[in-house]
N, C-alpha and C. Protein backbone atom coordinates (compact mmCIF):
# COMPACT_ATOMS: atom_id res chain seq x y z
N MET A 1 -77.61 -55.30 55.80
CA MET A 1 -78.05 -54.73 57.14
C MET A 1 -79.07 -54.20 56.85
N PRO A 2 -80.30 -54.03 57.86
CA PRO A 2 -81.40 -53.37 57.26
C PRO A 2 -81.44 -51.87 57.09
N LYS A 3 -82.02 -51.34 56.27
CA LYS A 3 -82.46 -49.60 56.31
C LYS A 3 -83.04 -49.31 57.36
N SER A 4 -82.29 -48.22 58.01
CA SER A 4 -83.19 -47.29 59.04
C SER A 4 -84.42 -47.01 58.67
N ARG A 5 -85.39 -46.47 59.17
CA ARG A 5 -86.52 -46.00 58.76
C ARG A 5 -86.39 -44.04 58.56
N MET A 6 -87.30 -43.51 57.71
CA MET A 6 -86.84 -42.26 57.87
C MET A 6 -87.66 -41.54 58.56
N ARG A 7 -87.29 -41.14 59.69
CA ARG A 7 -88.20 -39.94 60.49
C ARG A 7 -89.11 -38.95 59.88
N LYS A 8 -89.90 -38.70 60.36
CA LYS A 8 -90.73 -37.05 59.72
C LYS A 8 -90.42 -36.45 60.81
N LYS A 9 -89.93 -35.17 59.59
CA LYS A 9 -89.56 -34.18 60.55
C LYS A 9 -90.67 -32.92 60.90
N GLU A 10 -90.85 -32.52 61.90
CA GLU A 10 -91.81 -31.35 62.14
C GLU A 10 -91.54 -30.28 61.43
N LYS A 11 -92.37 -29.33 60.86
CA LYS A 11 -92.50 -28.31 60.46
C LYS A 11 -91.87 -27.35 61.39
N ALA A 12 -90.90 -26.05 61.16
CA ALA A 12 -90.87 -24.90 62.06
C ALA A 12 -92.28 -24.46 62.17
N TYR A 13 -91.61 -23.97 63.77
CA TYR A 13 -93.37 -23.36 63.87
C TYR A 13 -92.99 -21.50 63.98
N ILE A 14 -94.17 -21.16 63.22
CA ILE A 14 -93.43 -19.43 62.90
C ILE A 14 -94.53 -19.02 63.34
N PRO A 15 -94.43 -18.01 64.57
CA PRO A 15 -95.47 -17.15 65.10
C PRO A 15 -96.27 -16.38 64.18
N GLU A 16 -97.62 -16.23 64.37
CA GLU A 16 -98.41 -15.76 63.60
C GLU A 16 -98.06 -13.70 63.07
N ASP A 17 -97.85 -13.34 64.48
CA ASP A 17 -97.15 -11.65 64.32
C ASP A 17 -96.19 -11.73 63.40
N VAL A 18 -95.14 -12.96 63.03
CA VAL A 18 -94.12 -12.95 62.65
C VAL A 18 -94.24 -13.13 61.23
N VAL A 19 -94.99 -13.82 60.74
CA VAL A 19 -95.52 -13.92 59.58
C VAL A 19 -96.33 -12.81 58.83
N HIS A 20 -96.96 -11.94 59.74
CA HIS A 20 -97.73 -10.84 58.95
C HIS A 20 -96.98 -9.39 59.88
N ALA A 21 -95.91 -9.61 59.79
CA ALA A 21 -95.29 -8.07 60.48
C ALA A 21 -95.40 -7.28 58.87
N ALA A 22 -95.39 -5.93 59.71
CA ALA A 22 -95.06 -4.83 58.88
C ALA A 22 -94.01 -5.04 57.74
N PRO A 23 -93.90 -4.63 56.54
CA PRO A 23 -92.67 -4.71 56.16
C PRO A 23 -91.83 -3.43 56.35
N VAL A 24 -90.12 -3.67 56.51
CA VAL A 24 -89.73 -2.59 56.47
C VAL A 24 -89.21 -1.54 55.87
N PRO A 25 -89.29 -0.37 56.28
CA PRO A 25 -89.68 0.52 54.86
C PRO A 25 -88.24 0.70 54.24
N THR A 26 -88.59 0.96 53.02
CA THR A 26 -87.44 0.70 51.71
C THR A 26 -86.43 1.90 51.56
N GLU A 27 -87.35 3.39 51.95
CA GLU A 27 -86.68 4.12 51.47
C GLU A 27 -86.13 5.03 52.67
N SER A 28 -85.04 5.75 52.31
CA SER A 28 -84.32 6.23 53.30
C SER A 28 -85.32 7.87 53.69
N PRO A 29 -85.11 8.57 54.80
CA PRO A 29 -85.69 9.77 55.21
C PRO A 29 -84.97 10.83 54.55
N LYS A 30 -85.98 11.75 53.94
CA LYS A 30 -85.47 12.89 53.20
C LYS A 30 -84.36 13.57 53.62
N TRP A 31 -84.09 13.82 54.84
CA TRP A 31 -82.70 14.84 54.98
C TRP A 31 -81.81 13.83 55.24
N LEU A 32 -81.61 12.35 54.96
CA LEU A 32 -80.54 11.82 54.90
C LEU A 32 -79.43 12.30 54.01
N ALA A 33 -79.52 11.97 52.68
CA ALA A 33 -78.97 12.37 52.00
C ALA A 33 -78.01 13.68 51.78
N PRO A 34 -78.79 14.87 52.34
CA PRO A 34 -78.40 16.21 51.92
C PRO A 34 -77.30 16.26 53.36
N ALA A 35 -77.65 15.74 54.50
CA ALA A 35 -77.24 15.45 55.54
C ALA A 35 -75.72 14.85 55.47
N MET A 36 -75.62 13.69 54.88
CA MET A 36 -74.75 13.04 54.63
C MET A 36 -73.66 13.61 53.41
N VAL A 37 -73.84 14.40 52.09
CA VAL A 37 -73.26 14.99 51.60
C VAL A 37 -72.70 16.31 52.04
N ALA A 38 -73.34 17.04 53.21
CA ALA A 38 -73.04 18.29 53.62
C ALA A 38 -71.68 17.89 55.06
N ALA A 39 -71.75 17.01 55.43
CA ALA A 39 -70.56 16.31 56.34
C ALA A 39 -69.74 15.64 55.62
N PHE A 40 -69.92 15.33 54.37
CA PHE A 40 -68.37 15.08 53.61
C PHE A 40 -67.47 16.23 52.92
N ILE A 41 -68.62 17.41 52.35
CA ILE A 41 -68.30 18.46 52.10
C ILE A 41 -67.52 19.44 53.17
N ALA A 42 -68.04 19.55 54.29
CA ALA A 42 -67.55 20.09 55.59
C ALA A 42 -66.24 19.72 55.66
N GLY A 43 -66.26 18.34 56.09
CA GLY A 43 -64.69 17.87 56.55
C GLY A 43 -63.98 17.97 55.44
N LEU A 44 -64.41 18.05 54.07
CA LEU A 44 -63.30 17.98 52.81
C LEU A 44 -62.76 19.71 52.81
N ILE A 45 -63.83 20.57 52.86
CA ILE A 45 -63.20 22.03 53.28
C ILE A 45 -62.66 22.25 54.42
N TRP A 46 -63.21 21.73 55.42
CA TRP A 46 -61.91 21.91 56.82
C TRP A 46 -60.22 21.39 56.82
N ILE A 47 -59.99 20.30 56.44
CA ILE A 47 -59.16 19.56 55.95
C ILE A 47 -57.94 20.91 54.89
N VAL A 48 -58.95 21.30 53.68
CA VAL A 48 -58.08 21.92 52.59
C VAL A 48 -57.70 23.41 53.40
N ILE A 49 -58.82 23.86 54.28
CA ILE A 49 -58.58 25.53 54.82
C ILE A 49 -57.36 24.95 55.85
N PHE A 50 -57.52 23.90 56.25
CA PHE A 50 -55.94 23.72 57.50
C PHE A 50 -54.95 23.63 56.39
N TYR A 51 -54.73 23.07 55.93
CA TYR A 51 -53.61 22.95 54.66
C TYR A 51 -53.14 24.52 54.16
N VAL A 52 -54.21 24.72 53.35
CA VAL A 52 -53.68 26.19 52.94
C VAL A 52 -53.61 27.38 53.56
N SER A 53 -53.85 27.20 54.67
CA SER A 53 -53.41 28.47 55.83
C SER A 53 -52.29 28.06 56.61
N ALA A 54 -51.50 26.79 56.01
CA ALA A 54 -50.13 26.77 56.75
C ALA A 54 -50.58 26.34 58.26
N THR A 55 -51.41 25.49 58.39
CA THR A 55 -51.75 24.88 59.62
C THR A 55 -52.29 25.98 60.94
N ALA A 56 -52.80 27.13 60.13
CA ALA A 56 -53.22 28.31 61.42
C ALA A 56 -54.82 28.55 61.44
N TYR A 57 -55.48 27.93 60.44
CA TYR A 57 -57.02 27.72 60.61
C TYR A 57 -57.29 26.55 60.23
N PRO A 58 -58.69 26.38 60.50
CA PRO A 58 -59.68 26.88 61.15
C PRO A 58 -60.10 27.30 62.46
N ILE A 59 -59.56 26.50 63.17
CA ILE A 59 -59.16 26.70 64.91
C ILE A 59 -58.10 26.93 64.97
N PRO A 60 -57.59 28.33 65.25
CA PRO A 60 -56.07 28.41 65.51
C PRO A 60 -55.15 27.80 66.88
N GLY A 61 -56.28 27.75 68.08
CA GLY A 61 -55.58 27.32 69.03
C GLY A 61 -55.32 25.67 69.28
N ILE A 62 -55.77 24.66 68.46
CA ILE A 62 -55.84 23.67 68.47
C ILE A 62 -54.73 22.87 67.42
N GLY A 63 -53.94 23.35 66.64
CA GLY A 63 -53.28 22.75 65.74
C GLY A 63 -53.40 22.25 64.86
N ALA A 64 -52.79 20.86 65.09
CA ALA A 64 -53.20 19.80 64.36
C ALA A 64 -54.30 18.81 64.38
N TRP A 65 -54.98 19.24 65.75
CA TRP A 65 -56.01 18.79 65.75
C TRP A 65 -57.41 18.76 64.92
N ASN A 66 -57.06 20.14 64.38
CA ASN A 66 -57.78 20.38 63.14
C ASN A 66 -58.03 19.18 62.23
N MET A 67 -56.93 18.34 61.62
CA MET A 67 -57.45 17.26 61.12
C MET A 67 -58.13 16.35 61.99
N LEU A 68 -58.52 16.07 62.72
CA LEU A 68 -59.20 15.24 63.34
C LEU A 68 -60.57 15.68 63.47
N VAL A 69 -60.95 16.86 63.38
CA VAL A 69 -62.01 17.55 63.33
C VAL A 69 -62.69 17.21 61.83
N GLY A 70 -62.11 17.33 60.83
CA GLY A 70 -62.22 17.02 59.64
C GLY A 70 -62.61 16.08 59.18
N PHE A 71 -61.45 14.96 59.75
CA PHE A 71 -61.89 13.45 59.82
C PHE A 71 -62.97 12.81 60.29
N GLY A 72 -63.39 13.52 61.54
CA GLY A 72 -64.59 13.25 62.23
C GLY A 72 -65.73 13.94 61.45
N PHE A 73 -65.61 14.99 60.75
CA PHE A 73 -66.62 14.91 59.88
C PHE A 73 -67.02 14.16 58.71
N ILE A 74 -65.89 13.75 58.39
CA ILE A 74 -66.08 12.63 56.80
C ILE A 74 -66.36 11.49 57.69
N GLY A 75 -66.32 11.08 58.96
CA GLY A 75 -66.93 10.28 59.34
C GLY A 75 -68.20 10.04 59.79
N VAL A 76 -68.58 10.97 60.28
CA VAL A 76 -70.02 11.07 60.35
C VAL A 76 -70.93 11.23 59.00
N GLY A 77 -70.50 11.42 57.78
CA GLY A 77 -70.76 11.42 56.98
C GLY A 77 -70.73 9.93 56.18
N PHE A 78 -69.39 9.03 56.56
CA PHE A 78 -70.08 7.96 56.34
C PHE A 78 -70.65 6.59 56.84
N SER A 79 -70.91 7.43 58.50
CA SER A 79 -71.86 6.77 59.12
C SER A 79 -73.35 6.78 58.80
N LEU A 80 -73.37 8.29 58.20
CA LEU A 80 -74.91 8.28 57.52
C LEU A 80 -74.94 7.60 56.21
N ALA A 81 -73.95 7.17 55.33
CA ALA A 81 -73.90 6.49 54.49
C ALA A 81 -74.35 5.55 54.28
N THR A 82 -73.87 4.61 55.67
CA THR A 82 -74.18 3.25 55.86
C THR A 82 -76.16 2.84 56.04
N ARG A 83 -76.84 4.17 56.30
CA ARG A 83 -78.09 4.08 56.55
C ARG A 83 -78.96 4.19 55.28
N TRP A 84 -78.04 4.95 54.14
CA TRP A 84 -78.89 5.59 53.16
C TRP A 84 -79.44 3.92 52.33
N ARG A 85 -80.42 4.29 51.70
CA ARG A 85 -80.82 2.90 50.97
C ARG A 85 -81.60 3.65 49.48
């Protein structure tokens, strides 16, 4: 059986503006790390105060929802941590 011919593949076209695009900044903003650490610490302190005060503080009227507020701060810290380079 005869061997089939090899076809020449065309090179992929890459537009000039993509080839010469500006590089992505490799450093995170200066405010990001302090804000991230502050959110982690605020959430931790919120939850510790909630437990130490026998569920009476930091906001007395919302009861166990104080846990959600504390974990919300921690969640904000984690979302900021994903942007840190």
